[in-house]
N, C-alpha and C. Protein backbone atom coordinates (compact mmCIF):
# COMPACT_ATOMS: atom_id res chain seq x y z
N MET A 1 -89.16 29.51 -13.89
CA MET A 1 -88.33 28.77 -14.81
C MET A 1 -87.00 28.38 -14.17
N GLU A 2 -86.47 29.30 -13.37
CA GLU A 2 -85.20 29.03 -12.71
C GLU A 2 -85.37 27.93 -11.67
N LYS A 3 -86.52 27.89 -11.02
CA LYS A 3 -86.79 26.85 -10.02
C LYS A 3 -86.81 25.47 -10.68
N VAL A 4 -87.42 25.37 -11.84
CA VAL A 4 -87.47 24.11 -12.57
C VAL A 4 -86.06 23.68 -12.98
N ALA A 5 -85.25 24.63 -13.41
CA ALA A 5 -83.87 24.33 -13.81
C ALA A 5 -83.06 23.85 -12.60
N ASN A 6 -83.27 24.48 -11.44
CA ASN A 6 -82.58 24.06 -10.21
C ASN A 6 -82.97 22.64 -9.82
N GLU A 7 -84.26 22.35 -9.86
CA GLU A 7 -84.74 21.01 -9.51
C GLU A 7 -84.21 19.98 -10.50
N SER A 8 -84.17 20.36 -11.75
CA SER A 8 -83.65 19.47 -12.78
C SER A 8 -82.18 19.18 -12.54
N GLU A 9 -81.42 20.19 -12.19
CA GLU A 9 -79.99 20.01 -11.92
C GLU A 9 -79.76 19.16 -10.68
N LYS A 10 -80.58 19.36 -9.64
CA LYS A 10 -80.47 18.53 -8.43
C LYS A 10 -80.78 17.07 -8.73
N ALA A 11 -81.82 16.85 -9.54
CA ALA A 11 -82.19 15.48 -9.91
C ALA A 11 -81.08 14.83 -10.73
N LYS A 12 -80.46 15.60 -11.59
CA LYS A 12 -79.37 15.08 -12.42
C LYS A 12 -78.18 14.70 -11.55
N LYS A 13 -77.82 15.54 -10.58
CA LYS A 13 -76.71 15.24 -9.68
C LYS A 13 -77.01 14.00 -8.84
N ALA A 14 -78.26 13.90 -8.35
CA ALA A 14 -78.65 12.72 -7.57
C ALA A 14 -78.58 11.46 -8.43
N LEU A 15 -79.00 11.57 -9.66
CA LEU A 15 -78.94 10.43 -10.59
C LEU A 15 -77.49 9.98 -10.80
N ILE A 16 -76.59 10.91 -10.94
CA ILE A 16 -75.18 10.57 -11.16
C ILE A 16 -74.61 9.89 -9.91
N VAL A 17 -74.92 10.40 -8.73
CA VAL A 17 -74.43 9.80 -7.49
C VAL A 17 -74.99 8.39 -7.33
N ILE A 18 -76.28 8.23 -7.57
CA ILE A 18 -76.91 6.91 -7.46
C ILE A 18 -76.32 5.96 -8.51
N SER A 19 -76.07 6.46 -9.70
CA SER A 19 -75.48 5.62 -10.75
C SER A 19 -74.09 5.15 -10.36
N LYS A 20 -73.31 6.02 -9.73
CA LYS A 20 -71.96 5.63 -9.28
C LYS A 20 -72.05 4.53 -8.23
N ILE A 21 -72.97 4.68 -7.29
CA ILE A 21 -73.14 3.68 -6.24
C ILE A 21 -73.62 2.35 -6.85
N CYS A 22 -74.61 2.42 -7.71
CA CYS A 22 -75.14 1.21 -8.36
C CYS A 22 -74.10 0.55 -9.25
N TYR A 23 -73.24 1.34 -9.88
CA TYR A 23 -72.16 0.80 -10.70
C TYR A 23 -71.25 -0.08 -9.85
N VAL A 24 -70.87 0.41 -8.68
CA VAL A 24 -69.99 -0.35 -7.78
C VAL A 24 -70.70 -1.61 -7.27
N ILE A 25 -71.96 -1.45 -6.88
CA ILE A 25 -72.71 -2.61 -6.37
C ILE A 25 -72.87 -3.67 -7.46
N ALA A 26 -73.20 -3.24 -8.67
CA ALA A 26 -73.36 -4.19 -9.79
C ALA A 26 -72.04 -4.89 -10.08
N PHE A 27 -70.93 -4.17 -9.98
CA PHE A 27 -69.61 -4.78 -10.21
C PHE A 27 -69.33 -5.84 -9.16
N ILE A 28 -69.60 -5.54 -7.90
CA ILE A 28 -69.37 -6.50 -6.81
C ILE A 28 -70.26 -7.73 -6.99
N LEU A 29 -71.54 -7.51 -7.30
CA LEU A 29 -72.46 -8.64 -7.51
C LEU A 29 -72.04 -9.47 -8.72
N MET A 30 -71.55 -8.82 -9.77
CA MET A 30 -71.09 -9.54 -10.94
C MET A 30 -69.93 -10.46 -10.58
N ILE A 31 -68.97 -9.94 -9.83
CA ILE A 31 -67.81 -10.74 -9.41
C ILE A 31 -68.28 -11.91 -8.56
N LEU A 32 -69.18 -11.67 -7.61
CA LEU A 32 -69.68 -12.74 -6.75
C LEU A 32 -70.41 -13.82 -7.56
N CYS A 33 -71.20 -13.40 -8.54
CA CYS A 33 -71.90 -14.37 -9.40
C CYS A 33 -70.92 -15.22 -10.18
N PHE A 34 -69.90 -14.59 -10.73
CA PHE A 34 -68.92 -15.37 -11.50
C PHE A 34 -68.09 -16.28 -10.61
N VAL A 35 -67.81 -15.85 -9.38
CA VAL A 35 -67.11 -16.73 -8.43
C VAL A 35 -68.00 -17.93 -8.10
N ALA A 36 -69.29 -17.68 -7.86
CA ALA A 36 -70.23 -18.79 -7.58
C ALA A 36 -70.31 -19.74 -8.77
N ALA A 37 -70.34 -19.18 -9.99
CA ALA A 37 -70.36 -20.02 -11.19
C ALA A 37 -69.09 -20.85 -11.29
N GLY A 38 -67.96 -20.25 -10.91
CA GLY A 38 -66.70 -20.98 -10.92
C GLY A 38 -66.70 -22.13 -9.93
N PHE A 39 -67.23 -21.89 -8.73
CA PHE A 39 -67.32 -22.96 -7.74
C PHE A 39 -68.26 -24.07 -8.23
N SER A 40 -69.32 -23.69 -8.90
CA SER A 40 -70.23 -24.68 -9.45
C SER A 40 -69.54 -25.52 -10.53
N LEU A 41 -68.74 -24.87 -11.34
CA LEU A 41 -67.99 -25.58 -12.37
C LEU A 41 -67.00 -26.56 -11.73
N ILE A 42 -66.35 -26.12 -10.68
CA ILE A 42 -65.45 -27.02 -9.94
C ILE A 42 -66.24 -28.19 -9.36
N GLY A 43 -67.42 -27.90 -8.83
CA GLY A 43 -68.28 -28.95 -8.28
C GLY A 43 -68.68 -29.97 -9.32
N ILE A 44 -68.95 -29.51 -10.54
CA ILE A 44 -69.30 -30.43 -11.62
C ILE A 44 -68.13 -31.36 -11.92
N ALA A 45 -66.93 -30.80 -11.88
CA ALA A 45 -65.73 -31.61 -12.17
C ALA A 45 -65.40 -32.57 -11.03
N VAL A 46 -65.69 -32.17 -9.79
CA VAL A 46 -65.31 -32.98 -8.62
C VAL A 46 -66.39 -34.01 -8.25
N ALA A 47 -67.65 -33.69 -8.49
CA ALA A 47 -68.76 -34.53 -8.03
C ALA A 47 -68.66 -36.00 -8.47
N PRO A 48 -68.25 -36.31 -9.68
CA PRO A 48 -68.18 -37.73 -10.06
C PRO A 48 -67.17 -38.53 -9.24
N PHE A 49 -66.24 -37.85 -8.61
CA PHE A 49 -65.21 -38.54 -7.85
C PHE A 49 -65.52 -38.63 -6.36
N MET A 50 -66.72 -38.12 -5.95
CA MET A 50 -67.12 -38.18 -4.54
C MET A 50 -67.78 -39.52 -4.26
N PRO A 51 -67.17 -40.36 -3.45
CA PRO A 51 -67.84 -41.62 -3.11
C PRO A 51 -69.08 -41.36 -2.25
N TYR A 52 -70.15 -42.05 -2.58
CA TYR A 52 -71.39 -41.91 -1.83
C TYR A 52 -71.19 -42.22 -0.36
N ASP A 53 -70.34 -43.18 -0.04
CA ASP A 53 -70.11 -43.55 1.36
C ASP A 53 -69.51 -42.39 2.16
N TRP A 54 -68.67 -41.58 1.53
CA TRP A 54 -68.11 -40.43 2.24
C TRP A 54 -69.21 -39.45 2.63
N ILE A 55 -70.11 -39.21 1.70
CA ILE A 55 -71.21 -38.28 1.97
C ILE A 55 -72.07 -38.85 3.09
N LYS A 56 -72.41 -40.11 2.98
CA LYS A 56 -73.26 -40.76 3.98
C LYS A 56 -72.59 -40.73 5.35
N ASP A 57 -71.30 -41.07 5.41
CA ASP A 57 -70.57 -41.06 6.68
C ASP A 57 -70.49 -39.65 7.27
N PHE A 58 -70.28 -38.65 6.40
CA PHE A 58 -70.20 -37.28 6.88
C PHE A 58 -71.53 -36.84 7.49
N VAL A 59 -72.61 -37.14 6.80
CA VAL A 59 -73.93 -36.74 7.28
C VAL A 59 -74.26 -37.45 8.60
N LEU A 60 -73.96 -38.74 8.68
CA LEU A 60 -74.25 -39.48 9.90
C LEU A 60 -73.33 -39.10 11.05
N ALA A 61 -72.14 -38.60 10.75
CA ALA A 61 -71.20 -38.22 11.81
C ALA A 61 -71.54 -36.87 12.43
N HIS A 62 -72.41 -36.13 11.81
CA HIS A 62 -72.79 -34.81 12.33
C HIS A 62 -74.24 -34.86 12.82
N PRO A 63 -74.42 -35.06 14.12
CA PRO A 63 -75.78 -35.24 14.64
C PRO A 63 -76.67 -34.01 14.49
N ASN A 64 -76.09 -32.84 14.30
CA ASN A 64 -76.90 -31.63 14.14
C ASN A 64 -77.48 -31.51 12.74
N SER A 65 -76.98 -32.31 11.81
CA SER A 65 -77.49 -32.25 10.45
C SER A 65 -78.74 -33.12 10.33
N TYR A 66 -79.50 -32.82 9.32
CA TYR A 66 -80.72 -33.56 9.05
C TYR A 66 -80.34 -34.80 8.26
N HIS A 67 -80.46 -35.97 8.84
CA HIS A 67 -79.93 -37.15 8.17
C HIS A 67 -80.88 -38.34 8.19
N ASP A 68 -82.13 -38.11 7.88
CA ASP A 68 -83.02 -39.26 7.78
C ASP A 68 -82.83 -39.93 6.41
N THR A 69 -83.49 -41.00 6.19
CA THR A 69 -83.27 -41.79 4.98
C THR A 69 -83.69 -41.04 3.71
N ALA A 70 -84.71 -40.20 3.81
CA ALA A 70 -85.13 -39.44 2.63
C ALA A 70 -84.02 -38.48 2.19
N PHE A 71 -83.37 -37.86 3.16
CA PHE A 71 -82.27 -36.95 2.84
C PHE A 71 -81.11 -37.72 2.21
N LEU A 72 -80.76 -38.85 2.80
CA LEU A 72 -79.65 -39.64 2.28
C LEU A 72 -79.95 -40.19 0.89
N ALA A 73 -81.23 -40.42 0.59
CA ALA A 73 -81.58 -40.90 -0.74
C ALA A 73 -81.32 -39.82 -1.79
N TYR A 74 -81.47 -38.55 -1.40
CA TYR A 74 -81.22 -37.47 -2.35
C TYR A 74 -79.73 -37.18 -2.50
N ILE A 75 -78.98 -37.36 -1.41
CA ILE A 75 -77.56 -37.04 -1.47
C ILE A 75 -76.82 -38.15 -2.21
N ASN A 76 -76.54 -37.90 -3.43
CA ASN A 76 -75.74 -38.81 -4.24
C ASN A 76 -75.01 -37.99 -5.29
N VAL A 77 -74.21 -38.64 -6.05
CA VAL A 77 -73.38 -37.94 -7.01
C VAL A 77 -74.23 -37.22 -8.05
N LYS A 78 -75.30 -37.86 -8.53
CA LYS A 78 -76.16 -37.23 -9.52
C LYS A 78 -76.75 -35.93 -8.97
N TYR A 79 -77.20 -35.99 -7.73
CA TYR A 79 -77.78 -34.80 -7.11
C TYR A 79 -76.75 -33.68 -7.03
N ALA A 80 -75.53 -34.03 -6.63
CA ALA A 80 -74.48 -33.02 -6.52
C ALA A 80 -74.18 -32.40 -7.88
N GLU A 81 -74.12 -33.22 -8.92
CA GLU A 81 -73.84 -32.69 -10.25
C GLU A 81 -74.98 -31.80 -10.75
N VAL A 82 -76.20 -32.23 -10.54
CA VAL A 82 -77.34 -31.43 -10.98
C VAL A 82 -77.38 -30.12 -10.20
N ALA A 83 -77.09 -30.17 -8.90
CA ALA A 83 -77.05 -28.94 -8.10
C ALA A 83 -75.98 -27.99 -8.63
N CYS A 84 -74.85 -28.53 -9.02
CA CYS A 84 -73.78 -27.69 -9.57
C CYS A 84 -74.15 -27.12 -10.94
N VAL A 85 -74.84 -27.91 -11.77
CA VAL A 85 -75.31 -27.40 -13.06
C VAL A 85 -76.31 -26.27 -12.83
N TYR A 86 -77.20 -26.47 -11.86
CA TYR A 86 -78.17 -25.43 -11.49
C TYR A 86 -77.45 -24.17 -11.05
N GLY A 87 -76.44 -24.33 -10.19
CA GLY A 87 -75.68 -23.18 -9.73
C GLY A 87 -74.92 -22.50 -10.84
N LEU A 88 -74.33 -23.29 -11.73
CA LEU A 88 -73.57 -22.72 -12.85
C LEU A 88 -74.48 -21.90 -13.76
N LEU A 89 -75.63 -22.46 -14.13
CA LEU A 89 -76.54 -21.73 -15.01
C LEU A 89 -77.09 -20.48 -14.34
N GLY A 90 -77.57 -20.64 -13.11
CA GLY A 90 -78.17 -19.50 -12.41
C GLY A 90 -77.16 -18.39 -12.14
N ALA A 91 -76.01 -18.76 -11.61
CA ALA A 91 -74.99 -17.75 -11.29
C ALA A 91 -74.38 -17.16 -12.56
N GLY A 92 -74.21 -17.98 -13.59
CA GLY A 92 -73.64 -17.48 -14.84
C GLY A 92 -74.54 -16.46 -15.51
N VAL A 93 -75.82 -16.78 -15.62
CA VAL A 93 -76.76 -15.85 -16.24
C VAL A 93 -76.90 -14.58 -15.39
N SER A 94 -76.93 -14.75 -14.07
CA SER A 94 -77.01 -13.57 -13.18
C SER A 94 -75.76 -12.72 -13.30
N GLY A 95 -74.60 -13.35 -13.43
CA GLY A 95 -73.36 -12.60 -13.58
C GLY A 95 -73.34 -11.77 -14.85
N VAL A 96 -73.81 -12.36 -15.94
CA VAL A 96 -73.86 -11.62 -17.21
C VAL A 96 -74.88 -10.48 -17.10
N SER A 97 -75.99 -10.72 -16.42
CA SER A 97 -76.98 -9.65 -16.20
C SER A 97 -76.36 -8.50 -15.41
N MET A 98 -75.57 -8.85 -14.40
CA MET A 98 -74.90 -7.81 -13.60
C MET A 98 -73.87 -7.05 -14.42
N LEU A 99 -73.23 -7.73 -15.37
CA LEU A 99 -72.30 -7.06 -16.27
C LEU A 99 -73.02 -5.97 -17.06
N PHE A 100 -74.20 -6.30 -17.58
CA PHE A 100 -74.96 -5.30 -18.33
C PHE A 100 -75.55 -4.23 -17.42
N ALA A 101 -75.87 -4.58 -16.17
CA ALA A 101 -76.32 -3.57 -15.22
C ALA A 101 -75.19 -2.58 -14.93
N ARG A 102 -74.00 -3.12 -14.79
CA ARG A 102 -72.83 -2.26 -14.57
C ARG A 102 -72.63 -1.34 -15.78
N ASN A 103 -72.78 -1.90 -16.98
CA ASN A 103 -72.67 -1.08 -18.19
C ASN A 103 -73.74 -0.01 -18.24
N LEU A 104 -74.95 -0.36 -17.80
CA LEU A 104 -76.06 0.60 -17.78
C LEU A 104 -75.71 1.79 -16.88
N PHE A 105 -75.29 1.49 -15.66
CA PHE A 105 -75.00 2.58 -14.73
C PHE A 105 -73.73 3.34 -15.14
N GLY A 106 -72.79 2.65 -15.77
CA GLY A 106 -71.61 3.33 -16.28
C GLY A 106 -71.96 4.30 -17.40
N SER A 107 -72.89 3.90 -18.26
CA SER A 107 -73.28 4.79 -19.36
C SER A 107 -74.06 5.99 -18.84
N ILE A 108 -74.87 5.79 -17.81
CA ILE A 108 -75.59 6.92 -17.21
C ILE A 108 -74.59 7.88 -16.58
N LYS A 109 -73.60 7.31 -15.92
CA LYS A 109 -72.56 8.13 -15.26
C LYS A 109 -71.77 8.93 -16.31
N GLU A 110 -71.41 8.30 -17.41
CA GLU A 110 -70.61 8.96 -18.46
C GLU A 110 -71.41 10.03 -19.20
N ALA A 111 -72.64 9.68 -19.57
CA ALA A 111 -73.45 10.59 -20.40
C ALA A 111 -74.17 11.65 -19.58
N ASN A 112 -74.17 11.52 -18.27
CA ASN A 112 -74.90 12.42 -17.38
C ASN A 112 -76.40 12.43 -17.66
N THR A 113 -76.88 11.38 -18.26
CA THR A 113 -78.31 11.23 -18.52
C THR A 113 -78.63 9.75 -18.72
N PRO A 114 -79.81 9.32 -18.30
CA PRO A 114 -80.18 7.93 -18.57
C PRO A 114 -80.63 7.72 -20.01
N PHE A 115 -80.85 8.81 -20.72
CA PHE A 115 -81.39 8.71 -22.06
C PHE A 115 -80.27 8.70 -23.09
N ALA A 116 -79.58 7.57 -23.13
CA ALA A 116 -78.51 7.35 -24.10
C ALA A 116 -78.73 5.98 -24.74
N GLU A 117 -78.29 5.85 -25.97
CA GLU A 117 -78.46 4.59 -26.71
C GLU A 117 -77.82 3.41 -25.97
N LYS A 118 -76.67 3.67 -25.34
CA LYS A 118 -75.97 2.61 -24.62
C LYS A 118 -76.80 2.12 -23.44
N ALA A 119 -77.50 3.02 -22.77
CA ALA A 119 -78.37 2.64 -21.65
C ALA A 119 -79.54 1.78 -22.14
N VAL A 120 -80.11 2.14 -23.25
CA VAL A 120 -81.22 1.37 -23.83
C VAL A 120 -80.74 -0.02 -24.22
N SER A 121 -79.56 -0.09 -24.83
CA SER A 121 -79.00 -1.37 -25.23
C SER A 121 -78.73 -2.25 -24.01
N SER A 122 -78.18 -1.67 -22.95
CA SER A 122 -77.91 -2.42 -21.72
C SER A 122 -79.21 -2.92 -21.09
N LEU A 123 -80.24 -2.08 -21.09
CA LEU A 123 -81.53 -2.50 -20.54
C LEU A 123 -82.13 -3.66 -21.35
N ASN A 124 -82.01 -3.59 -22.67
CA ASN A 124 -82.50 -4.68 -23.50
C ASN A 124 -81.78 -5.99 -23.18
N MET A 125 -80.47 -5.92 -22.99
CA MET A 125 -79.70 -7.12 -22.66
C MET A 125 -80.07 -7.65 -21.28
N ILE A 126 -80.30 -6.76 -20.32
CA ILE A 126 -80.73 -7.20 -18.99
C ILE A 126 -82.08 -7.91 -19.10
N GLY A 127 -82.99 -7.35 -19.89
CA GLY A 127 -84.28 -7.98 -20.12
C GLY A 127 -84.15 -9.34 -20.79
N LEU A 128 -83.26 -9.43 -21.76
CA LEU A 128 -83.03 -10.70 -22.45
C LEU A 128 -82.51 -11.76 -21.48
N PHE A 129 -81.53 -11.40 -20.65
CA PHE A 129 -80.99 -12.38 -19.72
C PHE A 129 -81.97 -12.70 -18.59
N ALA A 130 -82.83 -11.75 -18.24
CA ALA A 130 -83.90 -12.05 -17.28
C ALA A 130 -84.87 -13.06 -17.88
N LEU A 131 -85.15 -12.92 -19.17
CA LEU A 131 -86.02 -13.88 -19.86
C LEU A 131 -85.35 -15.25 -19.97
N ILE A 132 -84.06 -15.26 -20.22
CA ILE A 132 -83.32 -16.53 -20.23
C ILE A 132 -83.38 -17.19 -18.86
N GLN A 133 -83.18 -16.38 -17.81
CA GLN A 133 -83.25 -16.90 -16.44
C GLN A 133 -84.64 -17.45 -16.14
N ALA A 134 -85.66 -16.81 -16.68
CA ALA A 134 -87.04 -17.21 -16.38
C ALA A 134 -87.51 -18.41 -17.19
N ILE A 135 -87.04 -18.54 -18.42
CA ILE A 135 -87.59 -19.59 -19.29
C ILE A 135 -86.54 -20.64 -19.66
N ALA A 136 -85.41 -20.23 -20.20
CA ALA A 136 -84.43 -21.19 -20.72
C ALA A 136 -83.77 -22.00 -19.61
N VAL A 137 -83.39 -21.35 -18.52
CA VAL A 137 -82.73 -22.09 -17.43
C VAL A 137 -83.64 -23.17 -16.85
N PRO A 138 -84.91 -22.89 -16.54
CA PRO A 138 -85.78 -23.97 -16.05
C PRO A 138 -85.99 -25.10 -17.06
N VAL A 139 -86.05 -24.75 -18.35
CA VAL A 139 -86.21 -25.80 -19.37
C VAL A 139 -84.98 -26.70 -19.37
N VAL A 140 -83.79 -26.11 -19.38
CA VAL A 140 -82.56 -26.91 -19.36
C VAL A 140 -82.51 -27.76 -18.09
N LEU A 141 -82.86 -27.17 -16.96
CA LEU A 141 -82.82 -27.93 -15.71
C LEU A 141 -83.86 -29.04 -15.68
N SER A 142 -85.00 -28.82 -16.28
CA SER A 142 -86.01 -29.88 -16.35
C SER A 142 -85.48 -31.05 -17.18
N ILE A 143 -84.81 -30.74 -18.27
CA ILE A 143 -84.23 -31.79 -19.11
C ILE A 143 -83.14 -32.54 -18.33
N VAL A 144 -82.28 -31.79 -17.62
CA VAL A 144 -81.19 -32.41 -16.86
C VAL A 144 -81.75 -33.28 -15.74
N THR A 145 -82.75 -32.78 -15.01
CA THR A 145 -83.30 -33.58 -13.91
C THR A 145 -84.04 -34.81 -14.43
N ALA A 146 -84.69 -34.69 -15.58
CA ALA A 146 -85.35 -35.87 -16.17
C ALA A 146 -84.31 -36.89 -16.63
N ALA A 147 -83.22 -36.40 -17.21
CA ALA A 147 -82.19 -37.31 -17.70
C ALA A 147 -81.43 -38.00 -16.58
N THR A 148 -81.27 -37.31 -15.46
CA THR A 148 -80.49 -37.88 -14.36
C THR A 148 -81.35 -38.61 -13.34
N GLY A 149 -82.66 -38.45 -13.43
CA GLY A 149 -83.55 -39.11 -12.49
C GLY A 149 -83.56 -38.49 -11.11
N THR A 150 -83.22 -37.22 -11.03
CA THR A 150 -83.24 -36.55 -9.73
C THR A 150 -84.60 -35.93 -9.44
N GLY A 151 -85.57 -36.18 -10.29
CA GLY A 151 -86.94 -35.76 -10.04
C GLY A 151 -87.15 -34.27 -10.16
N ASP A 152 -88.14 -33.79 -9.43
CA ASP A 152 -88.49 -32.37 -9.50
C ASP A 152 -87.79 -31.57 -8.42
N THR A 153 -86.67 -32.05 -7.95
CA THR A 153 -85.92 -31.38 -6.89
C THR A 153 -85.53 -29.97 -7.29
N PHE A 154 -85.22 -29.76 -8.54
CA PHE A 154 -84.74 -28.47 -9.00
C PHE A 154 -85.79 -27.73 -9.83
N ASN A 155 -87.04 -27.90 -9.49
CA ASN A 155 -88.11 -27.20 -10.19
C ASN A 155 -88.00 -25.72 -9.87
N SER A 156 -87.64 -24.93 -10.86
CA SER A 156 -87.40 -23.51 -10.61
C SER A 156 -88.29 -22.61 -11.47
N TRP A 157 -89.45 -23.11 -11.84
CA TRP A 157 -90.35 -22.30 -12.64
C TRP A 157 -90.90 -21.17 -11.78
N ASN A 158 -90.72 -19.95 -12.25
CA ASN A 158 -91.21 -18.79 -11.53
C ASN A 158 -91.66 -17.77 -12.58
N PHE A 159 -92.95 -17.66 -12.73
CA PHE A 159 -93.47 -16.79 -13.77
C PHE A 159 -93.37 -15.32 -13.38
N GLY A 160 -93.05 -15.04 -12.12
CA GLY A 160 -92.74 -13.67 -11.72
C GLY A 160 -91.50 -13.16 -12.44
N ASN A 161 -90.58 -14.07 -12.72
CA ASN A 161 -89.37 -13.69 -13.45
C ASN A 161 -89.69 -13.30 -14.89
N VAL A 162 -90.68 -13.96 -15.49
CA VAL A 162 -91.10 -13.59 -16.85
C VAL A 162 -91.68 -12.17 -16.82
N PHE A 163 -92.50 -11.89 -15.82
CA PHE A 163 -93.06 -10.54 -15.68
C PHE A 163 -91.94 -9.52 -15.49
N PHE A 164 -90.94 -9.86 -14.67
CA PHE A 164 -89.80 -8.96 -14.45
C PHE A 164 -89.09 -8.67 -15.78
N ALA A 165 -88.87 -9.70 -16.59
CA ALA A 165 -88.20 -9.51 -17.89
C ALA A 165 -89.03 -8.58 -18.79
N LEU A 166 -90.34 -8.80 -18.82
CA LEU A 166 -91.20 -7.94 -19.62
C LEU A 166 -91.20 -6.50 -19.09
N PHE A 167 -91.13 -6.35 -17.79
CA PHE A 167 -91.06 -5.03 -17.16
C PHE A 167 -89.77 -4.32 -17.59
N ILE A 168 -88.66 -5.03 -17.61
CA ILE A 168 -87.39 -4.44 -18.03
C ILE A 168 -87.47 -4.02 -19.50
N PHE A 169 -88.08 -4.85 -20.34
CA PHE A 169 -88.24 -4.48 -21.76
C PHE A 169 -89.11 -3.22 -21.88
N ALA A 170 -90.15 -3.12 -21.06
CA ALA A 170 -91.01 -1.92 -21.10
C ALA A 170 -90.22 -0.68 -20.68
N ILE A 171 -89.40 -0.82 -19.66
CA ILE A 171 -88.58 0.32 -19.22
C ILE A 171 -87.59 0.72 -20.32
N SER A 172 -87.06 -0.28 -21.02
CA SER A 172 -86.12 0.05 -22.10
C SER A 172 -86.83 0.84 -23.21
N LEU A 173 -88.11 0.53 -23.43
CA LEU A 173 -88.87 1.31 -24.43
C LEU A 173 -89.09 2.74 -23.96
N VAL A 174 -89.32 2.91 -22.66
CA VAL A 174 -89.45 4.27 -22.11
C VAL A 174 -88.14 5.02 -22.29
N PHE A 175 -87.02 4.35 -21.99
CA PHE A 175 -85.71 4.98 -22.17
C PHE A 175 -85.47 5.31 -23.65
N LYS A 176 -85.89 4.42 -24.54
CA LYS A 176 -85.72 4.67 -25.97
C LYS A 176 -86.50 5.91 -26.40
N TYR A 177 -87.71 6.04 -25.87
CA TYR A 177 -88.52 7.23 -26.14
C TYR A 177 -87.83 8.47 -25.57
N GLY A 178 -87.24 8.33 -24.39
CA GLY A 178 -86.50 9.43 -23.78
C GLY A 178 -85.30 9.83 -24.62
N VAL A 179 -84.65 8.85 -25.24
CA VAL A 179 -83.51 9.15 -26.13
C VAL A 179 -83.97 9.99 -27.30
N SER A 180 -85.11 9.61 -27.89
CA SER A 180 -85.61 10.39 -29.04
C SER A 180 -86.00 11.80 -28.60
N LEU A 181 -86.61 11.94 -27.42
CA LEU A 181 -86.94 13.28 -26.92
C LEU A 181 -85.68 14.09 -26.64
N GLN A 182 -84.67 13.42 -26.10
CA GLN A 182 -83.39 14.09 -25.81
C GLN A 182 -82.75 14.61 -27.10
N LYS A 183 -82.80 13.78 -28.14
CA LYS A 183 -82.24 14.20 -29.44
C LYS A 183 -83.00 15.39 -30.00
N GLN A 184 -84.34 15.36 -29.87
CA GLN A 184 -85.15 16.48 -30.34
C GLN A 184 -84.81 17.76 -29.58
N ALA A 185 -84.68 17.62 -28.25
CA ALA A 185 -84.36 18.79 -27.44
C ALA A 185 -82.98 19.33 -27.77
N ASP A 186 -82.02 18.44 -28.01
CA ASP A 186 -80.66 18.89 -28.34
C ASP A 186 -80.61 19.60 -29.69
N THR A 187 -81.37 19.13 -30.68
CA THR A 187 -81.37 19.77 -31.98
C THR A 187 -82.18 21.07 -31.96
N THR A 188 -83.16 21.17 -31.06
CA THR A 188 -83.97 22.39 -30.98
C THR A 188 -83.14 23.54 -30.39
N LEU A 189 -82.34 23.23 -29.40
CA LEU A 189 -81.53 24.27 -28.77
C LEU A 189 -80.39 24.63 -29.69
């Protein structure tokens, strides 16, 4: 019995250390995502004022760049704006997901257990934003690319992301079950 308690305590300490590390990593990734979203927002504001000739001259002036006519046909203001909208949506949703990941690891660190209501709530939100990233963002981008005539350049359908979102929801249910077991164990003792 003492051996099981020792192993349990070691696992708990390892979980806390890993949660602290993941908390810092999630915070850094969240900041980077929001910075990328900010740059995309700036790009959306600046793109309409970029003359096509400047882009064309820049590409042609750099012989190491890929500058055939197909590439130049894509490089235009509409493409730049759609690319920035894509970046804003992707980085924004990822940044919010990282915020909830940070909250998840913070709650594990505070409660000294992953089986807390706050952890379950954070996991559900991560799953929700993963589902938004998998379904809503591609739908919005398909509408934007159809409206701007930039074609299927930004086709970002990835059904692996839908599976990932469902996986996160399943893990949140496991955590929810763990919360109920934790409550039972706490009331039994």
